Amino acid sequence: SKNKEIVAFAKDMERDHEAVNSQALDLVKKLKVTPEDNDTSKALAKAAKEERAKLAKLKGSEFDKAYIENEVAYHKQVNGALETLLIPSASNAELKSLLETGLKIFQGHEQHAEHVAGMLK
């Protein structure tokens, strides 16, 4: 994208998601557990792969609009999974805390994406 709002949003996503992923990997090592795919993670990964393929075919403002609309939808989906499934089912306090922190960050991303989407209309 050449749109400064889209680029700034994408850089925020990259930075924040890398930080949360790093914290998650540190916790996995500390707890000596092996993460396993589940239906939720598989569905999210499949949807992400399909969306990347769709976005790769777009350029300019078409790309920007599709990208930011996907980010709004994706964050709604992830935040919903965190709120209704992952946080309530977490029995480890450290994991629950990490998921709650992630939810707060990702809710901010959803709001940011909605703001950028509104600017593109």
PDB file of N, CA and C in Angstrom:
ATOM      1  N   SER A   1       0.830  -1.190   0.000  1.00  0.00           N
ATOM      2  CA  SER A   1       0.000   0.000   0.000  1.00  0.00           C
ATOM      3  C   SER A   1       0.870   1.247   0.000  1.00  0.00           C
ATOM      4  N   LYS A   2       0.327   2.266  -0.572  1.00  0.00           N
ATOM      5  CA  LYS A   2       0.984   3.575  -0.558  1.00  0.00           C
ATOM      6  C   LYS A   2       0.239   4.513   0.402  1.00  0.00           C
ATOM      7  N   ASN A   3      -0.878   4.062   0.944  1.00  0.00           N
ATOM      8  CA  ASN A   3      -1.692   4.861   1.862  1.00  0.00           C
ATOM      9  C   ASN A   3      -1.010   4.899   3.233  1.00  0.00           C
ATOM     10  N   LYS A   4      -0.709   6.102   3.724  1.00  0.00           N
ATOM     11  CA  LYS A   4       0.054   6.220   4.972  1.00  0.00           C
ATOM     12  C   LYS A   4      -0.703   5.644   6.167  1.00  0.00           C
ATOM     13  N   GLU A   5      -2.024   5.738   6.175  1.00  0.00           N
ATOM     14  CA  GLU A   5      -2.819   5.180   7.283  1.00  0.00           C
ATOM     15  C   GLU A   5      -2.754   3.645   7.274  1.00  0.00           C
ATOM     16  N   ILE A   6      -2.844   3.061   6.101  1.00  0.00           N
ATOM     17  CA  ILE A   6      -2.768   1.604   5.972  1.00  0.00           C
ATOM     18  C   ILE A   6      -1.383   1.113   6.388  1.00  0.00           C
ATOM     19  N   VAL A   7      -0.350   1.793   5.918  1.00  0.00           N
ATOM     20  CA  VAL A   7       1.026   1.401   6.241  1.00  0.00           C
ATOM     21  C   VAL A   7       1.268   1.520   7.743  1.00  0.00           C
ATOM     22  N   ALA A   8       0.821   2.609   8.358  1.00  0.00           N
ATOM     23  CA  ALA A   8       0.991   2.792   9.806  1.00  0.00           C
ATOM     24  C   ALA A   8       0.254   1.703  10.575  1.00  0.00           C
ATOM     25  N   PHE A   9      -0.968   1.389  10.142  1.00  0.00           N
ATOM     26  CA  PHE A   9      -1.740   0.326  10.781  1.00  0.00           C
ATOM     27  C   PHE A   9      -1.003  -1.004  10.673  1.00  0.00           C
ATOM     28  N   ALA A  10      -0.527  -1.322   9.479  1.00  0.00           N
ATOM     29  CA  ALA A  10       0.170  -2.603   9.258  1.00  0.00           C
ATOM     30  C   ALA A  10       1.425  -2.697  10.126  1.00  0.00           C
ATOM     31  N   LYS A  11       2.151  -1.594  10.251  1.00  0.00           N
ATOM     32  CA  LYS A  11       3.354  -1.607  11.097  1.00  0.00           C
ATOM     33  C   LYS A  11       2.988  -1.813  12.570  1.00  0.00           C
ATOM     34  N   ASP A  12       1.894  -1.212  13.010  1.00  0.00           N
ATOM     35  CA  ASP A  12       1.423  -1.431  14.381  1.00  0.00           C
ATOM     36  C   ASP A  12       1.069  -2.901  14.598  1.00  0.00           C
ATOM     37  N   MET A  13       0.391  -3.493  13.596  1.00  0.00           N
ATOM     38  CA  MET A  13       0.006  -4.905  13.704  1.00  0.00           C
ATOM     39  C   MET A  13       1.248  -5.778  13.831  1.00  0.00           C
ATOM     40  N   GLU A  14       2.201  -5.537  12.958  1.00  0.00           N
ATOM     41  CA  GLU A  14       3.422  -6.343  12.959  1.00  0.00           C
ATOM     42  C   GLU A  14       4.126  -6.248  14.313  1.00  0.00           C
ATOM     43  N   ARG A  15       4.321  -5.036  14.798  1.00  0.00           N
ATOM     44  CA  ARG A  15       5.010  -4.820  16.071  1.00  0.00           C
ATOM     45  C   ARG A  15       4.268  -5.490  17.233  1.00  0.00           C
ATOM     46  N   ASP A  16       2.977  -5.215  17.352  1.00  0.00           N
ATOM     47  CA  ASP A  16       2.214  -5.722  18.492  1.00  0.00           C
ATOM     48  C   ASP A  16       2.028  -7.233  18.452  1.00  0.00           C
ATOM     49  N   HIS A  17       1.767  -7.772  17.272  1.00  0.00           N
ATOM     50  CA  HIS A  17       1.566  -9.227  17.173  1.00  0.00           C
ATOM     51  C   HIS A  17       2.881  -9.969  17.427  1.00  0.00           C
ATOM     52  N   GLU A  18       3.995  -9.426  16.961  1.00  0.00           N
ATOM     53  CA  GLU A  18       5.288 -10.052  17.259  1.00  0.00           C
ATOM     54  C   GLU A  18       5.554 -10.046  18.762  1.00  0.00           C
ATOM     55  N   ALA A  19       5.214  -8.958  19.437  1.00  0.00           N
ATOM     56  CA  ALA A  19       5.434  -8.870  20.884  1.00  0.00           C
ATOM     57  C   ALA A  19       4.587  -9.900  21.636  1.00  0.00           C
ATOM     58  N   VAL A  20       3.315 -10.011  21.264  1.00  0.00           N
ATOM     59  CA  VAL A  20       2.437 -10.984  21.926  1.00  0.00           C
ATOM     60  C   VAL A  20       2.889 -12.407  21.611  1.00  0.00           C
ATOM     61  N   ASN A  21       3.262 -12.661  20.362  1.00  0.00           N
ATOM     62  CA  ASN A  21       3.748 -13.997  19.997  1.00  0.00           C
ATOM     63  C   ASN A  21       5.006 -14.355  20.771  1.00  0.00           C
ATOM     64  N   SER A  22       5.890 -13.394  20.952  1.00  0.00           N
ATOM     65  CA  SER A  22       7.118 -13.626  21.715  1.00  0.00           C
ATOM     66  C   SER A  22       6.798 -13.975  23.164  1.00  0.00           C
ATOM     67  N   GLN A  23       5.854 -13.244  23.748  1.00  0.00           N
ATOM     68  CA  GLN A  23       5.441 -13.537  25.126  1.00  0.00           C
ATOM     69  C   GLN A  23       4.816 -14.925  25.213  1.00  0.00           C
ATOM     70  N   ALA A  24       4.034 -15.279  24.206  1.00  0.00           N
ATOM     71  CA  ALA A  24       3.412 -16.602  24.193  1.00  0.00           C
ATOM     72  C   ALA A  24       4.465 -17.698  24.094  1.00  0.00           C
ATOM     73  N   LEU A  25       5.452 -17.516  23.228  1.00  0.00           N
ATOM     74  CA  LEU A  25       6.515 -18.522  23.090  1.00  0.00           C
ATOM     75  C   LEU A  25       7.323 -18.642  24.381  1.00  0.00           C
ATOM     76  N   ASP A  26       7.593 -17.513  25.033  1.00  0.00           N
ATOM     77  CA  ASP A  26       8.303 -17.553  26.312  1.00  0.00           C
ATOM     78  C   ASP A  26       7.505 -18.333  27.348  1.00  0.00           C
ATOM     79  N   LEU A  27       6.193 -18.124  27.379  1.00  0.00           N
ATOM     80  CA  LEU A  27       5.350 -18.836  28.338  1.00  0.00           C
ATOM     81  C   LEU A  27       5.299 -20.325  28.028  1.00  0.00           C
ATOM     82  N   VAL A  28       5.215 -20.674  26.744  1.00  0.00           N
ATOM     83  CA  VAL A  28       5.211 -22.081  26.332  1.00  0.00           C
ATOM     84  C   VAL A  28       6.483 -22.774  26.820  1.00  0.00           C
ATOM     85  N   LYS A  29       7.620 -22.101  26.650  1.00  0.00           N
ATOM     86  CA  LYS A  29       8.890 -22.674  27.103  1.00  0.00           C
ATOM     87  C   LYS A  29       8.924 -22.804  28.622  1.00  0.00           C
ATOM     88  N   LYS A  30       8.468 -21.758  29.309  1.00  0.00           N
ATOM     89  CA  LYS A  30       8.472 -21.764  30.776  1.00  0.00           C
ATOM     90  C   LYS A  30       7.610 -22.901  31.321  1.00  0.00           C
ATOM     91  N   LEU A  31       6.441 -23.088  30.717  1.00  0.00           N
ATOM     92  CA  LEU A  31       5.514 -24.123  31.192  1.00  0.00           C
ATOM     93  C   LEU A  31       5.842 -25.511  30.654  1.00  0.00           C
ATOM     94  N   LYS A  32       6.799 -25.553  29.716  1.00  0.00           N
ATOM     95  CA  LYS A  32       7.209 -26.824  29.098  1.00  0.00           C
ATOM     96  C   LYS A  32       6.015 -27.570  28.502  1.00  0.00           C
ATOM     97  N   VAL A  33       5.247 -26.825  27.692  1.00  0.00           N
ATOM     98  CA  VAL A  33       4.103 -27.424  27.012  1.00  0.00           C
ATOM     99  C   VAL A  33       4.325 -27.340  25.505  1.00  0.00           C
ATOM    100  N   THR A  34       3.618 -28.166  24.789  1.00  0.00           N
ATOM    101  CA  THR A  34       3.685 -28.157  23.336  1.00  0.00           C
ATOM    102  C   THR A  34       2.341 -27.675  22.802  1.00  0.00           C
ATOM    103  N   PRO A  35       2.342 -26.519  22.130  1.00  0.00           N
ATOM    104  CA  PRO A  35       1.075 -26.039  21.570  1.00  0.00           C
ATOM    105  C   PRO A  35       0.534 -27.023  20.541  1.00  0.00           C
ATOM    106  N   GLU A  36      -0.767 -27.155  20.505  1.00  0.00           N
ATOM    107  CA  GLU A  36      -1.413 -28.037  19.537  1.00  0.00           C
ATOM    108  C   GLU A  36      -2.487 -27.267  18.802  1.00  0.00           C
ATOM    109  N   ASP A  37      -2.618 -27.556  17.515  1.00  0.00           N
ATOM    110  CA  ASP A  37      -3.702 -26.955  16.747  1.00  0.00           C
ATOM    111  C   ASP A  37      -5.035 -27.446  17.280  1.00  0.00           C
ATOM    112  N   ASN A  38      -6.038 -26.603  17.157  1.00  0.00           N
ATOM    113  CA  ASN A  38      -7.398 -26.984  17.498  1.00  0.00           C
ATOM    114  C   ASN A  38      -8.307 -26.446  16.395  1.00  0.00           C
ATOM    115  N   ASP A  39      -9.588 -26.692  16.516  1.00  0.00           N
ATOM    116  CA  ASP A  39     -10.505 -26.271  15.452  1.00  0.00           C
ATOM    117  C   ASP A  39     -10.455 -24.763  15.227  1.00  0.00           C
ATOM    118  N   THR A  40     -10.341 -23.994  16.315  1.00  0.00           N
ATOM    119  CA  THR A  40     -10.301 -22.536  16.199  1.00  0.00           C
ATOM    120  C   THR A  40      -9.045 -22.084  15.477  1.00  0.00           C
ATOM    121  N   SER A  41      -7.889 -22.598  15.888  1.00  0.00           N
ATOM    122  CA  SER A  41      -6.635 -22.177  15.254  1.00  0.00           C
ATOM    123  C   SER A  41      -6.588 -22.623  13.797  1.00  0.00           C
ATOM    124  N   LYS A  42      -7.112 -23.812  13.511  1.00  0.00           N
ATOM    125  CA  LYS A  42      -7.130 -24.297  12.132  1.00  0.00           C
ATOM    126  C   LYS A  42      -8.023 -23.430  11.253  1.00  0.00           C
ATOM    127  N   ALA A  43      -9.176 -23.037  11.771  1.00  0.00           N
ATOM    128  CA  ALA A  43     -10.098 -22.197  11.007  1.00  0.00           C
ATOM    129  C   ALA A  43      -9.485 -20.825  10.745  1.00  0.00           C
ATOM    130  N   LEU A  44      -8.827 -20.256  11.753  1.00  0.00           N
ATOM    131  CA  LEU A  44      -8.183 -18.948  11.578  1.00  0.00           C
ATOM    132  C   LEU A  44      -7.043 -19.023  10.569  1.00  0.00           C
ATOM    133  N   ALA A  45      -6.236 -20.064  10.632  1.00  0.00           N
ATOM    134  CA  ALA A  45      -5.111 -20.228   9.704  1.00  0.00           C
ATOM    135  C   ALA A  45      -5.611 -20.415   8.267  1.00  0.00           C
ATOM    136  N   LYS A  46      -6.656 -21.208   8.102  1.00  0.00           N
ATOM    137  CA  LYS A  46      -7.223 -21.434   6.767  1.00  0.00           C
ATOM    138  C   LYS A  46      -7.773 -20.135   6.194  1.00  0.00           C
ATOM    139  N   ALA A  47      -8.511 -19.390   7.010  1.00  0.00           N
ATOM    140  CA  ALA A  47      -9.083 -18.121   6.556  1.00  0.00           C
ATOM    141  C   ALA A  47      -7.978 -17.127   6.200  1.00  0.00           C
ATOM    142  N   ALA A  48      -6.906 -17.096   6.988  1.00  0.00           N
ATOM    143  CA  ALA A  48      -5.794 -16.173   6.728  1.00  0.00           C
ATOM    144  C   ALA A  48      -5.112 -16.516   5.406  1.00  0.00           C
ATOM    145  N   LYS A  49      -4.911 -17.794   5.142  1.00  0.00           N
ATOM    146  CA  LYS A  49      -4.276 -18.219   3.892  1.00  0.00           C
ATOM    147  C   LYS A  49      -5.132 -17.822   2.691  1.00  0.00           C
ATOM    148  N   GLU A  50      -6.432 -18.047   2.793  1.00  0.00           N
ATOM    149  CA  GLU A  50      -7.341 -17.698   1.702  1.00  0.00           C
ATOM    150  C   GLU A  50      -7.366 -16.186   1.475  1.00  0.00           C
ATOM    151  N   GLU A  51      -7.349 -15.426   2.558  1.00  0.00           N
ATOM    152  CA  GLU A  51      -7.388 -13.960   2.441  1.00  0.00           C
ATOM    153  C   GLU A  51      -6.103 -13.430   1.823  1.00  0.00           C
ATOM    154  N   ARG A  52      -4.956 -13.991   2.211  1.00  0.00           N
ATOM    155  CA  ARG A  52      -3.684 -13.557   1.601  1.00  0.00           C
ATOM    156  C   ARG A  52      -3.709 -13.773   0.090  1.00  0.00           C
ATOM    157  N   ALA A  53      -4.244 -14.897  -0.334  1.00  0.00           N
ATOM    158  CA  ALA A  53      -4.324 -15.195  -1.772  1.00  0.00           C
ATOM    159  C   ALA A  53      -5.232 -14.182  -2.475  1.00  0.00           C
ATOM    160  N   LYS A  54      -6.330 -13.843  -1.847  1.00  0.00           N
ATOM    161  CA  LYS A  54      -7.263 -12.868  -2.425  1.00  0.00           C
ATOM    162  C   LYS A  54      -6.613 -11.484  -2.501  1.00  0.00           C
ATOM    163  N   LEU A  55      -5.955 -11.073  -1.418  1.00  0.00           N
ATOM    164  CA  LEU A  55      -5.330  -9.752  -1.370  1.00  0.00           C
ATOM    165  C   LEU A  55      -4.176  -9.629  -2.357  1.00  0.00           C
ATOM    166  N   ALA A  56      -3.477 -10.715  -2.605  1.00  0.00           N
ATOM    167  CA  ALA A  56      -2.322 -10.694  -3.509  1.00  0.00           C
ATOM    168  C   ALA A  56      -2.723 -10.299  -4.931  1.00  0.00           C
ATOM    169  N   LYS A  57      -3.993 -10.459  -5.267  1.00  0.00           N
ATOM    170  CA  LYS A  57      -4.477 -10.140  -6.610  1.00  0.00           C
ATOM    171  C   LYS A  57      -4.909  -8.681  -6.750  1.00  0.00           C
ATOM    172  N   LEU A  58      -4.931  -7.952  -5.643  1.00  0.00           N
ATOM    173  CA  LEU A  58      -5.441  -6.574  -5.658  1.00  0.00           C
ATOM    174  C   LEU A  58      -4.323  -5.551  -5.609  1.00  0.00           C
ATOM    175  N   LYS A  59      -4.638  -4.348  -6.062  1.00  0.00           N
ATOM    176  CA  LYS A  59      -3.661  -3.249  -6.056  1.00  0.00           C
ATOM    177  C   LYS A  59      -4.354  -1.952  -5.657  1.00  0.00           C
ATOM    178  N   GLY A  60      -3.536  -0.995  -5.206  1.00  0.00           N
ATOM    179  CA  GLY A  60      -4.022   0.345  -4.925  1.00  0.00           C
ATOM    180  C   GLY A  60      -5.153   0.399  -3.917  1.00  0.00           C
ATOM    181  N   SER A  61      -6.138   1.249  -4.223  1.00  0.00           N
ATOM    182  CA  SER A  61      -7.238   1.459  -3.277  1.00  0.00           C
ATOM    183  C   SER A  61      -8.096   0.205  -3.094  1.00  0.00           C
ATOM    184  N   GLU A  62      -8.154  -0.645  -4.120  1.00  0.00           N
ATOM    185  CA  GLU A  62      -8.892  -1.920  -3.967  1.00  0.00           C
ATOM    186  C   GLU A  62      -8.227  -2.777  -2.893  1.00  0.00           C
ATOM    187  N   PHE A  63      -6.903  -2.834  -2.934  1.00  0.00           N
ATOM    188  CA  PHE A  63      -6.167  -3.580  -1.914  1.00  0.00           C
ATOM    189  C   PHE A  63      -6.411  -2.964  -0.537  1.00  0.00           C
ATOM    190  N   ASP A  64      -6.237  -1.649  -0.440  1.00  0.00           N
ATOM    191  CA  ASP A  64      -6.387  -0.974   0.849  1.00  0.00           C
ATOM    192  C   ASP A  64      -7.739  -1.265   1.478  1.00  0.00           C
ATOM    193  N   LYS A  65      -8.797  -1.127   0.702  1.00  0.00           N
ATOM    194  CA  LYS A  65     -10.151  -1.342   1.209  1.00  0.00           C
ATOM    195  C   LYS A  65     -10.353  -2.802   1.650  1.00  0.00           C
ATOM    196  N   ALA A  66      -9.943  -3.741   0.815  1.00  0.00           N
ATOM    197  CA  ALA A  66     -10.107  -5.160   1.154  1.00  0.00           C
ATOM    198  C   ALA A  66      -9.251  -5.534   2.363  1.00  0.00           C
ATOM    199  N   TYR A  67      -8.022  -5.013   2.415  1.00  0.00           N
ATOM    200  CA  TYR A  67      -7.124  -5.312   3.528  1.00  0.00           C
ATOM    201  C   TYR A  67      -7.708  -4.836   4.848  1.00  0.00           C
ATOM    202  N   ILE A  68      -8.143  -3.578   4.894  1.00  0.00           N
ATOM    203  CA  ILE A  68      -8.602  -3.040   6.174  1.00  0.00           C
ATOM    204  C   ILE A  68      -9.943  -3.651   6.582  1.00  0.00           C
ATOM    205  N   GLU A  69     -10.802  -3.949   5.612  1.00  0.00           N
ATOM    206  CA  GLU A  69     -12.060  -4.631   5.939  1.00  0.00           C
ATOM    207  C   GLU A  69     -11.786  -6.017   6.513  1.00  0.00           C
ATOM    208  N   ASN A  70     -10.785  -6.697   5.956  1.00  0.00           N
ATOM    209  CA  ASN A  70     -10.412  -8.003   6.490  1.00  0.00           C
ATOM    210  C   ASN A  70      -9.853  -7.873   7.909  1.00  0.00           C
ATOM    211  N   GLU A  71      -9.063  -6.837   8.147  1.00  0.00           N
ATOM    212  CA  GLU A  71      -8.498  -6.644   9.485  1.00  0.00           C
ATOM    213  C   GLU A  71      -9.592  -6.409  10.523  1.00  0.00           C
ATOM    214  N   VAL A  72     -10.617  -5.648  10.156  1.00  0.00           N
ATOM    215  CA  VAL A  72     -11.746  -5.441  11.066  1.00  0.00           C
ATOM    216  C   VAL A  72     -12.399  -6.791  11.359  1.00  0.00           C
ATOM    217  N   ALA A  73     -12.726  -7.537  10.310  1.00  0.00           N
ATOM    218  CA  ALA A  73     -13.407  -8.828  10.471  1.00  0.00           C
ATOM    219  C   ALA A  73     -12.544  -9.827  11.234  1.00  0.00           C
ATOM    220  N   TYR A  74     -11.255  -9.878  10.900  1.00  0.00           N
ATOM    221  CA  TYR A  74     -10.344 -10.826  11.555  1.00  0.00           C
ATOM    222  C   TYR A  74     -10.231 -10.529  13.047  1.00  0.00           C
ATOM    223  N   HIS A  75     -10.066  -9.249  13.393  1.00  0.00           N
ATOM    224  CA  HIS A  75      -9.938  -8.912  14.807  1.00  0.00           C
ATOM    225  C   HIS A  75     -11.238  -9.168  15.564  1.00  0.00           C
ATOM    226  N   LYS A  76     -12.375  -8.972  14.929  1.00  0.00           N
ATOM    227  CA  LYS A  76     -13.648  -9.316  15.567  1.00  0.00           C
ATOM    228  C   LYS A  76     -13.683 -10.827  15.861  1.00  0.00           C
ATOM    229  N   GLN A  77     -13.240 -11.619  14.891  1.00  0.00           N
ATOM    230  CA  GLN A  77     -13.258 -13.077  15.043  1.00  0.00           C
ATOM    231  C   GLN A  77     -12.295 -13.526  16.148  1.00  0.00           C
ATOM    232  N   VAL A  78     -11.079 -13.005  16.120  1.00  0.00           N
ATOM    233  CA  VAL A  78     -10.086 -13.382  17.131  1.00  0.00           C
ATOM    234  C   VAL A  78     -10.523 -12.912  18.510  1.00  0.00           C
ATOM    235  N   ASN A  79     -11.006 -11.690  18.600  1.00  0.00           N
ATOM    236  CA  ASN A  79     -11.437 -11.170  19.890  1.00  0.00           C
ATOM    237  C   ASN A  79     -12.613 -11.978  20.436  1.00  0.00           C
ATOM    238  N   GLY A  80     -13.509 -12.373  19.554  1.00  0.00           N
ATOM    239  CA  GLY A  80     -14.622 -13.222  19.979  1.00  0.00           C
ATOM    240  C   GLY A  80     -14.139 -14.561  20.508  1.00  0.00           C
ATOM    241  N   ALA A  81     -13.171 -15.158  19.821  1.00  0.00           N
ATOM    242  CA  ALA A  81     -12.619 -16.441  20.278  1.00  0.00           C
ATOM    243  C   ALA A  81     -11.918 -16.287  21.624  1.00  0.00           C
ATOM    244  N   LEU A  82     -11.188 -15.192  21.783  1.00  0.00           N
ATOM    245  CA  LEU A  82     -10.518 -14.943  23.066  1.00  0.00           C
ATOM    246  C   LEU A  82     -11.541 -14.785  24.184  1.00  0.00           C
ATOM    247  N   GLU A  83     -12.567 -13.978  23.949  1.00  0.00           N
ATOM    248  CA  GLU A  83     -13.561 -13.678  24.982  1.00  0.00           C
ATOM    249  C   GLU A  83     -14.418 -14.876  25.366  1.00  0.00           C
ATOM    250  N   THR A  84     -14.868 -15.633  24.372  1.00  0.00           N
ATOM    251  CA  THR A  84     -15.853 -16.675  24.639  1.00  0.00           C
ATOM    252  C   THR A  84     -15.281 -18.072  24.822  1.00  0.00           C
ATOM    253  N   LEU A  85     -14.073 -18.310  24.305  1.00  0.00           N
ATOM    254  CA  LEU A  85     -13.523 -19.658  24.341  1.00  0.00           C
ATOM    255  C   LEU A  85     -12.173 -19.744  25.040  1.00  0.00           C
ATOM    256  N   LEU A  86     -11.213 -18.988  24.562  1.00  0.00           N
ATOM    257  CA  LEU A  86      -9.839 -19.170  25.037  1.00  0.00           C
ATOM    258  C   LEU A  86      -9.630 -18.676  26.467  1.00  0.00           C
ATOM    259  N   ILE A  87     -10.070 -17.470  26.785  1.00  0.00           N
ATOM    260  CA  ILE A  87      -9.880 -16.951  28.143  1.00  0.00           C
ATOM    261  C   ILE A  87     -10.690 -17.763  29.155  1.00  0.00           C
ATOM    262  N   PRO A  88     -11.988 -18.012  28.898  1.00  0.00           N
ATOM    263  CA  PRO A  88     -12.746 -18.797  29.884  1.00  0.00           C
ATOM    264  C   PRO A  88     -12.212 -20.208  30.110  1.00  0.00           C
ATOM    265  N   SER A  89     -11.584 -20.797  29.086  1.00  0.00           N
ATOM    266  CA  SER A  89     -11.118 -22.183  29.244  1.00  0.00           C
ATOM    267  C   SER A  89      -9.674 -22.274  29.741  1.00  0.00           C
ATOM    268  N   ALA A  90      -8.997 -21.141  29.884  1.00  0.00           N
ATOM    269  CA  ALA A  90      -7.609 -21.162  30.363  1.00  0.00           C
ATOM    270  C   ALA A  90      -7.585 -21.421  31.864  1.00  0.00           C
ATOM    271  N   SER A  91      -6.922 -22.500  32.256  1.00  0.00           N
ATOM    272  CA  SER A  91      -6.843 -22.829  33.686  1.00  0.00           C
ATOM    273  C   SER A  91      -5.557 -22.310  34.326  1.00  0.00           C
ATOM    274  N   ASN A  92      -4.551 -22.020  33.516  1.00  0.00           N
ATOM    275  CA  ASN A  92      -3.287 -21.495  34.025  1.00  0.00           C
ATOM    276  C   ASN A  92      -3.397 -19.973  34.135  1.00  0.00           C
ATOM    277  N   ALA A  93      -3.065 -19.431  35.314  1.00  0.00           N
ATOM    278  CA  ALA A  93      -3.201 -17.991  35.561  1.00  0.00           C
ATOM    279  C   ALA A  93      -2.328 -17.153  34.635  1.00  0.00           C
ATOM    280  N   GLU A  94      -1.107 -17.617  34.361  1.00  0.00           N
ATOM    281  CA  GLU A  94      -0.213 -16.860  33.476  1.00  0.00           C
ATOM    282  C   GLU A  94      -0.741 -16.839  32.046  1.00  0.00           C
ATOM    283  N   LEU A  95      -1.254 -17.974  31.596  1.00  0.00           N
ATOM    284  CA  LEU A  95      -1.833 -18.041  30.258  1.00  0.00           C
ATOM    285  C   LEU A  95      -3.058 -17.138  30.175  1.00  0.00           C
ATOM    286  N   LYS A  96      -3.923 -17.227  31.176  1.00  0.00           N
ATOM    287  CA  LYS A  96      -5.128 -16.397  31.189  1.00  0.00           C
ATOM    288  C   LYS A  96      -4.750 -14.918  31.141  1.00  0.00           C
ATOM    289  N   SER A  97      -3.742 -14.523  31.900  1.00  0.00           N
ATOM    290  CA  SER A  97      -3.294 -13.135  31.916  1.00  0.00           C
ATOM    291  C   SER A  97      -2.768 -12.709  30.544  1.00  0.00           C
ATOM    292  N   LEU A  98      -1.982 -13.571  29.911  1.00  0.00           N
ATOM    293  CA  LEU A  98      -1.457 -13.264  28.574  1.00  0.00           C
ATOM    294  C   LEU A  98      -2.599 -13.111  27.570  1.00  0.00           C
ATOM    295  N   LEU A  99      -3.575 -13.993  27.631  1.00  0.00           N
ATOM    296  CA  LEU A  99      -4.716 -13.921  26.725  1.00  0.00           C
ATOM    297  C   LEU A  99      -5.523 -12.642  26.966  1.00  0.00           C
ATOM    298  N   GLU A 100      -5.685 -12.265  28.219  1.00  0.00           N
ATOM    299  CA  GLU A 100      -6.415 -11.037  28.542  1.00  0.00           C
ATOM    300  C   GLU A 100      -5.662  -9.806  28.041  1.00  0.00           C
ATOM    301  N   THR A 101      -4.344  -9.818  28.181  1.00  0.00           N
ATOM    302  CA  THR A 101      -3.525  -8.727  27.656  1.00  0.00           C
ATOM    303  C   THR A 101      -3.643  -8.663  26.141  1.00  0.00           C
ATOM    304  N   GLY A 102      -3.549  -9.820  25.501  1.00  0.00           N
ATOM    305  CA  GLY A 102      -3.706  -9.883  24.051  1.00  0.00           C
ATOM    306  C   GLY A 102      -5.059  -9.345  23.615  1.00  0.00           C
ATOM    307  N   LEU A 103      -6.110  -9.697  24.348  1.00  0.00           N
ATOM    308  CA  LEU A 103      -7.451  -9.228  24.009  1.00  0.00           C
ATOM    309  C   LEU A 103      -7.513  -7.705  24.041  1.00  0.00           C
ATOM    310  N   LYS A 104      -6.949  -7.103  25.074  1.00  0.00           N
ATOM    311  CA  LYS A 104      -6.957  -5.631  25.159  1.00  0.00           C
ATOM    312  C   LYS A 104      -6.229  -5.008  23.966  1.00  0.00           C
ATOM    313  N   ILE A 105      -5.077  -5.569  23.629  1.00  0.00           N
ATOM    314  CA  ILE A 105      -4.304  -5.060  22.488  1.00  0.00           C
ATOM    315  C   ILE A 105      -5.096  -5.240  21.193  1.00  0.00           C
ATOM    316  N   PHE A 106      -5.675  -6.414  21.006  1.00  0.00           N
ATOM    317  CA  PHE A 106      -6.370  -6.716  19.762  1.00  0.00           C
ATOM    318  C   PHE A 106      -7.695  -5.958  19.645  1.00  0.00           C
ATOM    319  N   GLN A 107      -8.323  -5.634  20.783  1.00  0.00           N
ATOM    320  CA  GLN A 107      -9.509  -4.775  20.733  1.00  0.00           C
ATOM    321  C   GLN A 107      -9.116  -3.385  20.237  1.00  0.00           C
ATOM    322  N   GLY A 108      -7.942  -2.920  20.668  1.00  0.00           N
ATOM    323  CA  GLY A 108      -7.430  -1.649  20.163  1.00  0.00           C
ATOM    324  C   GLY A 108      -7.168  -1.712  18.670  1.00  0.00           C
ATOM    325  N   HIS A 109      -6.664  -2.841  18.198  1.00  0.00           N
ATOM    326  CA  HIS A 109      -6.428  -3.022  16.767  1.00  0.00           C
ATOM    327  C   HIS A 109      -7.747  -2.970  15.995  1.00  0.00           C
ATOM    328  N   GLU A 110      -8.760  -3.620  16.546  1.00  0.00           N
ATOM    329  CA  GLU A 110     -10.066  -3.626  15.885  1.00  0.00           C
ATOM    330  C   GLU A 110     -10.594  -2.189  15.755  1.00  0.00           C
ATOM    331  N   GLN A 111     -10.479  -1.427  16.824  1.00  0.00           N
ATOM    332  CA  GLN A 111     -10.939  -0.030  16.782  1.00  0.00           C
ATOM    333  C   GLN A 111     -10.119   0.790  15.782  1.00  0.00           C
ATOM    334  N   HIS A 112      -8.813   0.576  15.775  1.00  0.00           N
ATOM    335  CA  HIS A 112      -7.938   1.277  14.824  1.00  0.00           C
ATOM    336  C   HIS A 112      -8.323   0.924  13.398  1.00  0.00           C
ATOM    337  N   ALA A 113      -8.546  -0.359  13.140  1.00  0.00           N
ATOM    338  CA  ALA A 113      -8.924  -0.800  11.801  1.00  0.00           C
ATOM    339  C   ALA A 113     -10.256  -0.179  11.387  1.00  0.00           C
ATOM    340  N   GLU A 114     -11.205  -0.126  12.309  1.00  0.00           N
ATOM    341  CA  GLU A 114     -12.513   0.485  12.001  1.00  0.00           C
ATOM    342  C   GLU A 114     -12.331   1.969  11.671  1.00  0.00           C
ATOM    343  N   HIS A 115     -11.458   2.630  12.395  1.00  0.00           N
ATOM    344  CA  HIS A 115     -11.188   4.045  12.142  1.00  0.00           C
ATOM    345  C   HIS A 115     -10.593   4.242  10.742  1.00  0.00           C
ATOM    346  N   VAL A 116      -9.595   3.439  10.402  1.00  0.00           N
ATOM    347  CA  VAL A 116      -8.962   3.539   9.087  1.00  0.00           C
ATOM    348  C   VAL A 116      -9.980   3.198   7.989  1.00  0.00           C
ATOM    349  N   ALA A 117     -10.787   2.173   8.220  1.00  0.00           N
ATOM    350  CA  ALA A 117     -11.805   1.800   7.226  1.00  0.00           C
ATOM    351  C   ALA A 117     -12.757   2.971   6.981  1.00  0.00           C
ATOM    352  N   GLY A 118     -13.124   3.660   8.047  1.00  0.00           N
ATOM    353  CA  GLY A 118     -14.007   4.815   7.905  1.00  0.00           C
ATOM    354  C   GLY A 118     -13.372   5.937   7.109  1.00  0.00           C
ATOM    355  N   MET A 119     -12.060   6.073   7.196  1.00  0.00           N
ATOM    356  CA  MET A 119     -11.356   7.113   6.448  1.00  0.00           C
ATOM    357  C   MET A 119     -11.311   6.802   4.953  1.00  0.00           C
ATOM    358  N   LEU A 120     -11.392   5.507   4.597  1.00  0.00           N
ATOM    359  CA  LEU A 120     -11.298   5.108   3.191  1.00  0.00           C
ATOM    360  C   LEU A 120     -12.619   5.241   2.449  1.00  0.00           C
ATOM    361  N   LYS A 121     -13.699   5.452   3.163  1.00  0.00           N
ATOM    362  CA  LYS A 121     -15.029   5.517   2.506  1.00  0.00           C
ATOM    363  C   LYS A 121     -15.260   6.855   1.873  1.00  0.00           C
TER     364      LYS A 121
END
